[in-house]
Amino acid sequence: MIQLMDVLNFSYIYIHMGNNFSDTAGCLLVGKTKKYFKKMHEFEIRQSRKAYIPLYKRLAAMMEKGDVFVKIHELSSCRTN
């Protein structure tokens, strides 16, 4: 897993594979697509493994050359379609 370090007021934050909120305790999940369940008002991430493996390889290669910084942007809204 990819661990994010030096996040103000947080520790043990990881980027990892998973599909919904039950797969994480506040970590970041990655995926290629998403599905919105209207009745439950919840999203599910799809193709998480396909998204994570290339991301991990890319970040690992960058870390071999030096420090890597990840910038997280908050979306103002999340589209449901």
Protein backbone atom coordinates (compact mmCIF):
# COMPACT_ATOMS: atom_id res chain seq x y z
CA MET A 1 0.00 0.00 0.00
CA ILE A 2 1.00 3.59 -0.52
CA GLN A 3 1.21 5.55 2.73
CA LEU A 4 0.71 9.31 2.80
CA MET A 5 3.03 10.95 5.31
CA ASP A 6 3.01 14.31 7.09
CA VAL A 7 -0.73 14.94 6.72
CA LEU A 8 -1.73 17.52 9.31
CA ASN A 9 -3.78 15.98 12.16
CA PHE A 10 -3.91 12.54 10.50
CA SER A 11 -1.82 9.37 10.53
CA TYR A 12 -1.88 5.98 8.86
CA ILE A 13 -3.46 7.24 5.65
CA TYR A 14 -3.06 4.89 2.73
CA ILE A 15 -4.01 4.72 -0.92
CA HIS A 16 -5.23 1.21 -1.63
CA MET A 17 -7.66 -1.01 -3.49
CA GLY A 18 -11.28 -1.22 -2.44
CA ASN A 19 -14.78 -0.72 -3.72
CA ASN A 20 -16.86 1.05 -1.07
CA PHE A 21 -16.82 2.64 2.37
CA SER A 22 -16.65 -0.74 4.10
CA ASP A 23 -13.21 -1.27 2.48
CA THR A 24 -11.67 1.78 4.12
CA ALA A 25 -11.38 3.56 7.44
CA GLY A 26 -10.70 6.93 5.84
CA CYS A 27 -8.02 5.94 3.37
CA LEU A 28 -8.15 6.82 -0.31
CA LEU A 29 -9.52 4.22 -2.69
CA VAL A 30 -8.76 4.34 -6.41
CA GLY A 31 -10.73 2.99 -9.35
CA LYS A 32 -11.31 3.33 -13.06
CA THR A 33 -15.09 3.78 -12.90
CA LYS A 34 -17.83 4.34 -10.37
CA LYS A 35 -21.44 3.31 -9.90
CA TYR A 36 -24.06 5.30 -8.02
CA PHE A 37 -26.73 3.43 -6.10
CA LYS A 38 -29.62 5.87 -6.05
CA LYS A 39 -31.70 4.07 -3.40
CA MET A 40 -28.80 4.01 -0.94
CA HIS A 41 -27.28 7.35 -2.04
CA GLU A 42 -23.87 5.70 -2.19
CA PHE A 43 -21.10 5.24 -4.70
CA GLU A 44 -19.07 2.15 -5.42
CA ILE A 45 -15.66 2.26 -7.06
CA ARG A 46 -15.11 -0.22 -9.87
CA GLN A 47 -11.94 -1.70 -11.37
CA SER A 48 -9.91 -0.76 -8.32
CA ARG A 49 -7.11 -3.24 -8.98
CA LYS A 50 -6.73 -1.99 -12.58
CA ALA A 51 -6.30 1.55 -11.28
CA TYR A 52 -4.11 0.80 -8.27
CA ILE A 53 -1.41 -1.38 -9.81
CA PRO A 54 -0.29 1.18 -12.43
CA LEU A 55 -0.48 3.97 -9.84
CA TYR A 56 1.65 1.96 -7.40
CA LYS A 57 4.25 1.18 -10.08
CA ARG A 58 4.41 4.81 -11.17
CA LEU A 59 4.80 6.14 -7.64
CA ALA A 60 7.37 3.46 -6.73
CA ALA A 61 9.48 4.39 -9.76
CA MET A 62 9.28 8.06 -8.79
CA MET A 63 10.23 7.29 -5.16
CA GLU A 64 13.40 5.56 -6.32
CA LYS A 65 14.49 8.92 -7.73
CA GLY A 66 13.56 10.98 -4.66
CA ASP A 67 10.68 12.35 -2.65
CA VAL A 68 7.20 12.18 -4.11
CA PHE A 69 4.42 14.59 -3.22
CA VAL A 70 0.75 13.85 -3.73
CA LYS A 71 -1.67 16.76 -3.83
CA ILE A 72 -5.30 16.00 -3.03
CA HIS A 73 -7.95 18.35 -4.39
CA GLU A 74 -11.45 18.49 -2.99
CA LEU A 75 -14.16 18.32 -5.61
CA SER A 76 -16.83 21.00 -5.27
CA SER A 77 -19.46 18.45 -6.26
CA CYS A 78 -19.60 14.83 -7.29
CA ARG A 79 -21.65 13.96 -10.35
CA THR A 80 -23.89 10.94 -10.04
CA ASN A 81 -23.92 9.97 -13.71
